[in-house]
Amino acid sequence: MLVNGFGGKIKEAALLAITFCSYAAGRLTGPDDILTGVITVGSITVAAGTLATLVALIEQWSRRHGKPFVFGEFDGRRRNLRRCFA
């Protein structure tokens, strides 16, 4: 980036910065700290997804349709997984 300049998107630069910071943090911490961090971040992610799904299911419990409407999509499983990697 210093030689060629920044021609990409801000998202790419943010992901690059997160990668560098994660590498440095991983090298400076011990295995016990990493395990605690993975469990904490994983638990928070699962709790947020569960809460969002629960709220969506409660809002539409009495409606008549075949699939739950979560994150703006009826077939949320496949489409939202693709959005995570976009």
C-alpha atoms as a PDB file:
ATOM      1  CA  MET A   1       0.000   0.000   0.000  1.00  0.00           C
ATOM      2  CA  LEU A   2       2.906   2.334   0.604  1.00  0.00           C
ATOM      3  CA  VAL A   3       4.327   1.796  -2.880  1.00  0.00           C
ATOM      4  CA  ASN A   4       1.190   1.339  -4.986  1.00  0.00           C
ATOM      5  CA  GLY A   5      -1.249   3.448  -3.001  1.00  0.00           C
ATOM      6  CA  PHE A   6      -4.682   2.476  -1.843  1.00  0.00           C
ATOM      7  CA  GLY A   7      -6.943   1.604  -4.758  1.00  0.00           C
ATOM      8  CA  GLY A   8      -9.256  -0.880  -3.063  1.00  0.00           C
ATOM      9  CA  LYS A   9     -12.334  -0.589  -0.964  1.00  0.00           C
ATOM     10  CA  ILE A  10     -12.356   0.522   2.649  1.00  0.00           C
ATOM     11  CA  LYS A  11     -13.684  -2.926   3.600  1.00  0.00           C
ATOM     12  CA  GLU A  12     -10.536  -4.554   2.226  1.00  0.00           C
ATOM     13  CA  ALA A  13      -8.268  -2.189   4.148  1.00  0.00           C
ATOM     14  CA  ALA A  14     -10.227  -2.817   7.348  1.00  0.00           C
ATOM     15  CA  LEU A  15      -9.957  -6.586   6.886  1.00  0.00           C
ATOM     16  CA  LEU A  16      -6.209  -6.266   6.264  1.00  0.00           C
ATOM     17  CA  ALA A  17      -5.796  -4.200   9.440  1.00  0.00           C
ATOM     18  CA  ILE A  18      -7.828  -6.709  11.447  1.00  0.00           C
ATOM     19  CA  THR A  19      -5.667  -9.528  10.070  1.00  0.00           C
ATOM     20  CA  PHE A  20      -2.440  -7.802  11.080  1.00  0.00           C
ATOM     21  CA  CYS A  21      -3.770  -6.944  14.533  1.00  0.00           C
ATOM     22  CA  SER A  22      -5.068 -10.495  15.046  1.00  0.00           C
ATOM     23  CA  TYR A  23      -1.709 -11.947  14.090  1.00  0.00           C
ATOM     24  CA  ALA A  24       0.115  -9.687  16.531  1.00  0.00           C
ATOM     25  CA  ALA A  25      -2.381 -10.401  19.302  1.00  0.00           C
ATOM     26  CA  GLY A  26      -2.099 -14.139  18.696  1.00  0.00           C
ATOM     27  CA  ARG A  27       1.687 -14.059  18.839  1.00  0.00           C
ATOM     28  CA  LEU A  28       1.763 -12.044  22.065  1.00  0.00           C
ATOM     29  CA  THR A  29      -0.746 -14.107  24.053  1.00  0.00           C
ATOM     30  CA  GLY A  30      -0.583 -17.576  25.468  1.00  0.00           C
ATOM     31  CA  PRO A  31      -2.745 -20.555  24.502  1.00  0.00           C
ATOM     32  CA  ASP A  32      -5.020 -20.144  27.540  1.00  0.00           C
ATOM     33  CA  ASP A  33      -5.848 -16.559  26.590  1.00  0.00           C
ATOM     34  CA  ILE A  34      -6.603 -17.567  22.994  1.00  0.00           C
ATOM     35  CA  LEU A  35      -8.955 -20.344  24.109  1.00  0.00           C
ATOM     36  CA  THR A  36     -10.780 -17.957  26.430  1.00  0.00           C
ATOM     37  CA  GLY A  37     -11.126 -15.402  23.629  1.00  0.00           C
ATOM     38  CA  VAL A  38     -12.438 -17.950  21.135  1.00  0.00           C
ATOM     39  CA  ILE A  39     -15.014 -19.206  23.613  1.00  0.00           C
ATOM     40  CA  THR A  40     -16.069 -15.647  24.502  1.00  0.00           C
ATOM     41  CA  VAL A  41     -16.418 -14.443  20.895  1.00  0.00           C
ATOM     42  CA  GLY A  42     -18.144 -17.660  19.845  1.00  0.00           C
ATOM     43  CA  SER A  43     -20.600 -17.425  22.729  1.00  0.00           C
ATOM     44  CA  ILE A  44     -21.432 -13.810  21.933  1.00  0.00           C
ATOM     45  CA  THR A  45     -21.973 -14.669  18.248  1.00  0.00           C
ATOM     46  CA  VAL A  46     -24.241 -17.604  19.047  1.00  0.00           C
ATOM     47  CA  ALA A  47     -26.201 -15.527  21.580  1.00  0.00           C
ATOM     48  CA  ALA A  48     -26.714 -12.685  19.078  1.00  0.00           C
ATOM     49  CA  GLY A  49     -27.905 -15.057  16.344  1.00  0.00           C
ATOM     50  CA  THR A  50     -30.220 -16.865  18.739  1.00  0.00           C
ATOM     51  CA  LEU A  51     -31.670 -13.599  19.990  1.00  0.00           C
ATOM     52  CA  ALA A  52     -32.265 -12.276  16.463  1.00  0.00           C
ATOM     53  CA  THR A  53     -33.952 -15.514  15.420  1.00  0.00           C
ATOM     54  CA  LEU A  54     -36.050 -15.623  18.573  1.00  0.00           C
ATOM     55  CA  VAL A  55     -37.260 -12.045  18.074  1.00  0.00           C
ATOM     56  CA  ALA A  56     -38.172 -12.778  14.439  1.00  0.00           C
ATOM     57  CA  LEU A  57     -40.027 -15.968  15.378  1.00  0.00           C
ATOM     58  CA  ILE A  58     -42.011 -14.265  18.141  1.00  0.00           C
ATOM     59  CA  GLU A  59     -43.042 -11.425  15.803  1.00  0.00           C
ATOM     60  CA  GLN A  60     -44.417 -13.801  13.154  1.00  0.00           C
ATOM     61  CA  TRP A  61     -45.606 -16.732  15.236  1.00  0.00           C
ATOM     62  CA  SER A  62     -49.275 -16.327  14.292  1.00  0.00           C
ATOM     63  CA  ARG A  63     -48.689 -15.693  10.547  1.00  0.00           C
ATOM     64  CA  ARG A  64     -49.300 -18.434   8.020  1.00  0.00           C
ATOM     65  CA  HIS A  65     -46.218 -19.202   5.957  1.00  0.00           C
ATOM     66  CA  GLY A  66     -43.893 -22.143   5.698  1.00  0.00           C
ATOM     67  CA  LYS A  67     -40.556 -20.693   6.719  1.00  0.00           C
ATOM     68  CA  PRO A  68     -39.463 -18.149   9.319  1.00  0.00           C
ATOM     69  CA  PHE A  69     -38.676 -14.657   8.033  1.00  0.00           C
ATOM     70  CA  VAL A  70     -35.265 -13.904   9.603  1.00  0.00           C
ATOM     71  CA  PHE A  71     -32.883 -11.101   8.547  1.00  0.00           C
ATOM     72  CA  GLY A  72     -35.240 -10.046   5.775  1.00  0.00           C
ATOM     73  CA  GLU A  73     -35.336 -13.402   3.982  1.00  0.00           C
ATOM     74  CA  PHE A  74     -37.650 -16.417   4.191  1.00  0.00           C
ATOM     75  CA  ASP A  75     -34.866 -18.815   3.322  1.00  0.00           C
ATOM     76  CA  GLY A  76     -32.404 -17.143   5.634  1.00  0.00           C
ATOM     77  CA  ARG A  77     -30.084 -20.074   6.133  1.00  0.00           C
ATOM     78  CA  ARG A  78     -28.381 -20.190   2.729  1.00  0.00           C
ATOM     79  CA  ARG A  79     -28.662 -16.560   1.723  1.00  0.00           C
ATOM     80  CA  ASN A  80     -27.447 -15.147   5.019  1.00  0.00           C
ATOM     81  CA  LEU A  81     -24.517 -17.529   5.086  1.00  0.00           C
ATOM     82  CA  ARG A  82     -23.484 -16.179   1.663  1.00  0.00           C
ATOM     83  CA  ARG A  83     -23.818 -12.608   2.960  1.00  0.00           C
ATOM     84  CA  CYS A  84     -21.359 -13.364   5.757  1.00  0.00           C
ATOM     85  CA  PHE A  85     -18.679 -14.110   3.189  1.00  0.00           C
ATOM     86  CA  ALA A  86     -19.521 -11.272   0.775  1.00  0.00           C
END
